[in-house]
Amino acid sequence: MTELLPCPFCSDPPSTKRWDVGHKKAMRIWCDDCSVNSCVQGVDEIAIEKWNTRPIEEHLRAEVDRLTKERDEARKECRDYRNRLVAHLYCIQRINSIPTEYHLPWENKTDE
């Protein structure tokens, strides 16, 4: 049998009761704390599936996963940009530390 999820409102574990109504079976699942309940005639698995169905939670979980992936990609982009910036700043620092009597390769040399 599939495990029951906790109550969608208060997260307490649910209670269950099974009974026969004539030749039909029924199952009730409810929360003792906040009185949320689900009552289904038929197979236990259907009652459990209905209790465990949380479309809003599933949608929110998917949205959180999407946003987490987007955040991780943005962090990687920022880290790459920062590393390139640090490399450029290092180069500028090195260029600025070259004595003025030396010419850089891309500078035009004037005849002295």
Foldseek 3Di string as FASTA:
>chain_A
DDDAFAQPPPRHRWDKDWDDDDPKIKMKIAHPPPGDIDIDIHDPVVRRCVRRDDPVVVVVVVVVVVVVVVVVVVVVVVVVVVVVVVVVVVVVVVVVPDDPVDDDPVDDDDDD
